[in-house]
C-alpha atoms as a PDB file:
ATOM      1  CA  MET A   1      28.221  -1.291 -28.491  1.00  0.00           C
ATOM      2  CA  PHE A   2      26.307   2.342 -29.161  1.00  0.00           C
ATOM      3  CA  ARG A   3      28.379   4.322 -26.843  1.00  0.00           C
ATOM      4  CA  LEU A   4      31.873   2.371 -28.380  1.00  0.00           C
ATOM      5  CA  GLY A   5      31.192   4.162 -31.900  1.00  0.00           C
ATOM      6  CA  LEU A   6      31.097   0.760 -32.713  1.00  0.00           C
ATOM      7  CA  LEU A   7      28.250   1.456 -35.264  1.00  0.00           C
ATOM      8  CA  ASP A   8      30.664   4.598 -37.697  1.00  0.00           C
ATOM      9  CA  LYS A   9      32.754   1.396 -38.870  1.00  0.00           C
ATOM     10  CA  ILE A  10      28.934  -0.636 -39.673  1.00  0.00           C
ATOM     11  CA  ASP A  11      28.296   2.566 -41.753  1.00  0.00           C
ATOM     12  CA  GLU A  12      31.406   1.348 -43.657  1.00  0.00           C
ATOM     13  CA  LEU A  13      31.707  -2.561 -43.714  1.00  0.00           C
ATOM     14  CA  ILE A  14      28.203  -2.999 -44.200  1.00  0.00           C
ATOM     15  CA  LEU A  15      28.814  -2.229 -48.053  1.00  0.00           C
ATOM     16  CA  SER A  16      32.128  -3.389 -48.671  1.00  0.00           C
ATOM     17  CA  PRO A  17      33.214  -4.679 -52.078  1.00  0.00           C
ATOM     18  CA  LYS A  18      33.751  -7.602 -49.368  1.00  0.00           C
ATOM     19  CA  LYS A  19      31.443 -10.495 -49.428  1.00  0.00           C
ATOM     20  CA  ARG A  20      32.198 -12.238 -45.755  1.00  0.00           C
ATOM     21  CA  VAL A  21      32.841  -8.561 -44.241  1.00  0.00           C
ATOM     22  CA  LYS A  22      29.173  -8.087 -45.383  1.00  0.00           C
ATOM     23  CA  LYS A  23      28.236 -11.490 -44.255  1.00  0.00           C
ATOM     24  CA  GLU A  24      30.165 -10.592 -40.596  1.00  0.00           C
ATOM     25  CA  ILE A  25      29.050  -7.851 -39.947  1.00  0.00           C
ATOM     26  CA  CYS A  26      25.447  -8.686 -40.140  1.00  0.00           C
ATOM     27  CA  TRP A  27      25.750 -11.603 -37.760  1.00  0.00           C
ATOM     28  CA  MET A  28      27.501  -9.665 -35.257  1.00  0.00           C
ATOM     29  CA  LEU A  29      24.190  -7.453 -35.632  1.00  0.00           C
ATOM     30  CA  SER A  30      21.409  -9.640 -35.298  1.00  0.00           C
ATOM     31  CA  LYS A  31      23.676 -11.207 -32.877  1.00  0.00           C
ATOM     32  CA  ILE A  32      23.794  -7.661 -30.199  1.00  0.00           C
ATOM     33  CA  CYS A  33      20.308  -6.430 -31.484  1.00  0.00           C
ATOM     34  CA  THR A  34      17.992  -7.144 -28.885  1.00  0.00           C
ATOM     35  CA  GLU A  35      16.644  -3.963 -27.538  1.00  0.00           C
ATOM     36  CA  LYS A  36      14.798  -1.491 -29.205  1.00  0.00           C
ATOM     37  CA  LYS A  37      16.750   1.296 -28.565  1.00  0.00           C
ATOM     38  CA  ALA A  38      19.264  -0.830 -31.081  1.00  0.00           C
ATOM     39  CA  VAL A  39      16.817  -0.786 -33.644  1.00  0.00           C
ATOM     40  CA  GLU A  40      16.434   2.891 -33.571  1.00  0.00           C
ATOM     41  CA  GLY A  41      20.125   3.307 -33.571  1.00  0.00           C
ATOM     42  CA  LEU A  42      20.138   1.196 -36.955  1.00  0.00           C
ATOM     43  CA  LEU A  43      17.537   3.334 -38.238  1.00  0.00           C
ATOM     44  CA  GLU A  44      18.919   6.515 -37.142  1.00  0.00           C
ATOM     45  CA  ARG A  45      22.468   5.924 -39.022  1.00  0.00           C
ATOM     46  CA  LYS A  46      20.146   4.376 -41.908  1.00  0.00           C
ATOM     47  CA  VAL A  47      21.659   0.325 -41.410  1.00  0.00           C
ATOM     48  CA  TYR A  48      18.082  -0.143 -42.965  1.00  0.00           C
ATOM     49  CA  GLU A  49      18.625   1.415 -46.253  1.00  0.00           C
ATOM     50  CA  LYS A  50      21.782  -0.239 -46.673  1.00  0.00           C
ATOM     51  CA  LEU A  51      20.156  -3.570 -46.122  1.00  0.00           C
ATOM     52  CA  LEU A  52      17.224  -3.125 -48.511  1.00  0.00           C
ATOM     53  CA  LYS A  53      21.021  -2.304 -51.389  1.00  0.00           C
ATOM     54  CA  ILE A  54      22.429  -5.451 -49.687  1.00  0.00           C
ATOM     55  CA  LEU A  55      19.095  -7.686 -50.774  1.00  0.00           C
ATOM     56  CA  LYS A  56      18.219  -6.290 -54.272  1.00  0.00           C
ATOM     57  CA  LYS A  57      21.703  -6.675 -55.124  1.00  0.00           C
ATOM     58  CA  ASP A  58      24.301  -8.933 -53.052  1.00  0.00           C
ATOM     59  CA  CYS A  59      24.236 -12.854 -53.715  1.00  0.00           C
ATOM     60  CA  GLU A  60      22.457 -14.979 -51.765  1.00  0.00           C
ATOM     61  CA  ASP A  61      25.020 -15.699 -49.841  1.00  0.00           C
ATOM     62  CA  VAL A  62      25.011 -12.057 -47.910  1.00  0.00           C
ATOM     63  CA  LYS A  63      21.111 -11.529 -48.202  1.00  0.00           C
ATOM     64  CA  LYS A  64      20.907 -15.058 -45.926  1.00  0.00           C
ATOM     65  CA  ASP A  65      22.957 -12.482 -42.740  1.00  0.00           C
ATOM     66  CA  ALA A  66      20.777  -9.741 -44.020  1.00  0.00           C
ATOM     67  CA  ILE A  67      17.297 -11.484 -43.837  1.00  0.00           C
ATOM     68  CA  LEU A  68      18.516 -12.731 -40.251  1.00  0.00           C
ATOM     69  CA  LEU A  69      18.966  -9.242 -39.115  1.00  0.00           C
ATOM     70  CA  ILE A  70      15.943  -7.658 -40.759  1.00  0.00           C
ATOM     71  CA  GLY A  71      14.433 -10.341 -39.075  1.00  0.00           C
ATOM     72  CA  LYS A  72      15.978 -11.229 -35.573  1.00  0.00           C
ATOM     73  CA  THR A  73      15.201  -6.853 -35.041  1.00  0.00           C
ATOM     74  CA  ALA A  74      11.063  -8.002 -36.061  1.00  0.00           C
ATOM     75  CA  THR A  75      10.797  -9.232 -32.711  1.00  0.00           C
ATOM     76  CA  VAL A  76      12.553  -6.493 -30.830  1.00  0.00           C
ATOM     77  CA  CYS A  77      11.045  -3.521 -31.743  1.00  0.00           C
ATOM     78  CA  ASP A  78       8.211  -1.283 -32.105  1.00  0.00           C
ATOM     79  CA  ALA A  79       5.112  -0.494 -34.093  1.00  0.00           C
ATOM     80  CA  ASP A  80       6.139   2.198 -34.868  1.00  0.00           C
ATOM     81  CA  GLN A  81       9.954   1.147 -35.546  1.00  0.00           C
ATOM     82  CA  ALA A  82       8.275  -1.699 -37.452  1.00  0.00           C
ATOM     83  CA  ARG A  83       6.534   0.601 -40.172  1.00  0.00           C
ATOM     84  CA  ARG A  84       9.734   3.194 -40.751  1.00  0.00           C
ATOM     85  CA  VAL A  85      11.627   0.135 -41.464  1.00  0.00           C
ATOM     86  CA  ALA A  86       8.373  -0.680 -43.959  1.00  0.00           C
ATOM     87  CA  GLN A  87       8.558   3.016 -45.980  1.00  0.00           C
ATOM     88  CA  ILE A  88      12.129   1.914 -46.377  1.00  0.00           C
ATOM     89  CA  GLY A  89      11.163  -0.777 -48.922  1.00  0.00           C
ATOM     90  CA  LEU A  90      12.330  -3.561 -46.823  1.00  0.00           C
ATOM     91  CA  ILE A  91       8.339  -5.607 -46.392  1.00  0.00           C
ATOM     92  CA  GLY A  92       7.957  -5.136 -49.487  1.00  0.00           C
ATOM     93  CA  GLU A  93      11.585  -6.728 -50.462  1.00  0.00           C
ATOM     94  CA  MET A  94      11.485  -9.638 -48.400  1.00  0.00           C
ATOM     95  CA  ILE A  95       7.617 -10.664 -49.480  1.00  0.00           C
ATOM     96  CA  SER A  96       9.677 -10.855 -53.038  1.00  0.00           C
ATOM     97  CA  LEU A  97      12.235 -12.665 -51.297  1.00  0.00           C
ATOM     98  CA  VAL A  98      10.506 -15.437 -49.687  1.00  0.00           C
ATOM     99  CA  ASP A  99       9.670 -17.311 -53.158  1.00  0.00           C
ATOM    100  CA  LYS A 100      12.868 -16.725 -54.521  1.00  0.00           C
ATOM    101  CA  MET A 101      15.082 -17.734 -51.557  1.00  0.00           C
ATOM    102  CA  LYS A 102      14.391 -21.502 -50.580  1.00  0.00           C
ATOM    103  CA  ALA A 103      17.348 -21.516 -48.285  1.00  0.00           C
ATOM    104  CA  SER A 104      16.213 -18.245 -46.163  1.00  0.00           C
ATOM    105  CA  GLN A 105      11.931 -18.608 -46.678  1.00  0.00           C
ATOM    106  CA  LYS A 106      11.274 -19.518 -42.307  1.00  0.00           C
ATOM    107  CA  VAL A 107      13.157 -16.775 -40.923  1.00  0.00           C
ATOM    108  CA  ILE A 108      11.481 -14.973 -44.304  1.00  0.00           C
ATOM    109  CA  LEU A 109       8.389 -15.951 -42.909  1.00  0.00           C
ATOM    110  CA  GLU A 110       8.492 -15.873 -38.997  1.00  0.00           C
ATOM    111  CA  GLY A 111       9.670 -12.256 -39.616  1.00  0.00           C
ATOM    112  CA  LEU A 112       7.202 -11.146 -41.134  1.00  0.00           C
ATOM    113  CA  THR A 113       5.350 -12.711 -39.051  1.00  0.00           C
ATOM    114  CA  GLU A 114       6.980 -10.359 -36.604  1.00  0.00           C
ATOM    115  CA  TYR A 115       6.578  -6.920 -38.359  1.00  0.00           C
ATOM    116  CA  PHE A 116       2.655  -7.882 -39.026  1.00  0.00           C
ATOM    117  CA  GLU A 117       1.691  -8.335 -35.385  1.00  0.00           C
ATOM    118  CA  LYS A 118       3.438  -5.439 -34.894  1.00  0.00           C
ATOM    119  CA  ASP A 119       1.599  -3.117 -37.391  1.00  0.00           C
ATOM    120  CA  LYS A 120      -0.941  -5.070 -39.058  1.00  0.00           C
ATOM    121  CA  ASN A 121      -1.595  -2.595 -42.298  1.00  0.00           C
ATOM    122  CA  ILE A 122       2.398  -2.138 -42.398  1.00  0.00           C
ATOM    123  CA  VAL A 123       2.122  -2.953 -46.341  1.00  0.00           C
ATOM    124  CA  GLY A 124      -0.733  -2.440 -48.862  1.00  0.00           C
ATOM    125  CA  SER A 125      -3.447  -4.554 -49.662  1.00  0.00           C
ATOM    126  CA  GLU A 126      -1.897  -4.981 -52.749  1.00  0.00           C
ATOM    127  CA  ASP A 127       1.736  -6.127 -50.883  1.00  0.00           C
ATOM    128  CA  ARG A 128      -0.705  -8.784 -48.453  1.00  0.00           C
ATOM    129  CA  ILE A 129      -2.144 -10.685 -51.841  1.00  0.00           C
ATOM    130  CA  ARG A 130       0.687 -10.773 -53.112  1.00  0.00           C
ATOM    131  CA  LEU A 131       2.353 -12.213 -50.556  1.00  0.00           C
ATOM    132  CA  ILE A 132      -1.209 -14.476 -49.344  1.00  0.00           C
ATOM    133  CA  ARG A 133      -1.189 -16.445 -53.401  1.00  0.00           C
ATOM    134  CA  VAL A 134       2.752 -16.729 -52.754  1.00  0.00           C
ATOM    135  CA  LEU A 135       2.259 -18.537 -48.924  1.00  0.00           C
ATOM    136  CA  ASN A 136      -0.683 -20.591 -51.136  1.00  0.00           C
ATOM    137  CA  ARG A 137       1.548 -21.536 -53.590  1.00  0.00           C
ATOM    138  CA  MET A 138       4.224 -22.721 -50.777  1.00  0.00           C
ATOM    139  CA  ILE A 139       1.707 -25.119 -49.319  1.00  0.00           C
ATOM    140  CA  GLY A 140       0.332 -26.689 -51.407  1.00  0.00           C
ATOM    141  CA  GLU A 141       4.099 -27.605 -52.774  1.00  0.00           C
ATOM    142  CA  GLY A 142       4.638 -28.120 -48.828  1.00  0.00           C
ATOM    143  CA  GLU A 143       7.236 -26.062 -48.710  1.00  0.00           C
ATOM    144  CA  ASN A 144       6.979 -23.951 -44.492  1.00  0.00           C
ATOM    145  CA  SER A 145       3.225 -24.753 -44.904  1.00  0.00           C
ATOM    146  CA  ASP A 146       2.770 -24.337 -40.295  1.00  0.00           C
ATOM    147  CA  LYS A 147       4.257 -21.371 -40.791  1.00  0.00           C
ATOM    148  CA  ALA A 148       2.514 -20.375 -44.144  1.00  0.00           C
ATOM    149  CA  MET A 149      -0.260 -21.434 -43.291  1.00  0.00           C
ATOM    150  CA  SER A 150      -0.589 -18.873 -39.602  1.00  0.00           C
ATOM    151  CA  LEU A 151       0.582 -16.227 -41.630  1.00  0.00           C
ATOM    152  CA  VAL A 152      -2.119 -17.216 -44.424  1.00  0.00           C
ATOM    153  CA  LEU A 153      -4.497 -17.014 -41.765  1.00  0.00           C
ATOM    154  CA  MET A 154      -3.206 -13.394 -40.118  1.00  0.00           C
ATOM    155  CA  LEU A 155      -3.154 -11.488 -43.363  1.00  0.00           C
ATOM    156  CA  LEU A 156      -6.667 -12.938 -44.049  1.00  0.00           C
ATOM    157  CA  ASP A 157      -7.927 -11.559 -41.118  1.00  0.00           C
ATOM    158  CA  ILE A 158      -6.825  -8.212 -41.443  1.00  0.00           C
ATOM    159  CA  ASN A 159      -7.877  -7.921 -44.906  1.00  0.00           C
ATOM    160  CA  ASN A 160     -11.362  -9.142 -42.930  1.00  0.00           C
ATOM    161  CA  GLU A 161     -10.715  -6.178 -40.445  1.00  0.00           C
ATOM    162  CA  ASN A 162     -10.037  -3.681 -43.109  1.00  0.00           C
ATOM    163  CA  ASN A 163     -12.704  -4.112 -45.569  1.00  0.00           C
END
């Protein structure tokens, strides 16, 4: 993928004004980014910064594919890469979206779980507490309660370790 210069084209296509193009690029990347080297390529090319723009301003349809990509790369990144993704602001934005994007909730929860498994302190205590509150409400309403409960338990363990 990288030797073919594909990322050179992705840089311009991922911020295309055309919704369909952005969706396809995110979907394609989620299918081919299956190793740390690919995540590193996305970090070096500032693709995650572009994904943050998508999560902040695009329609829900495009955001879903961006979230899928972010979640999929969480499964293969290492702890350093996870911290760099968090520094960009993507973890905080995913925390904000977990309550707003019902259709992508499961993927967001899986991605967040992966990131927290890579680095327990990937976000500060304020973001962890904000997420716990959202997850508790989700559990009370029966929304993805199994995934939400396991993430709450992980976050509570992290808070206990840090105190």
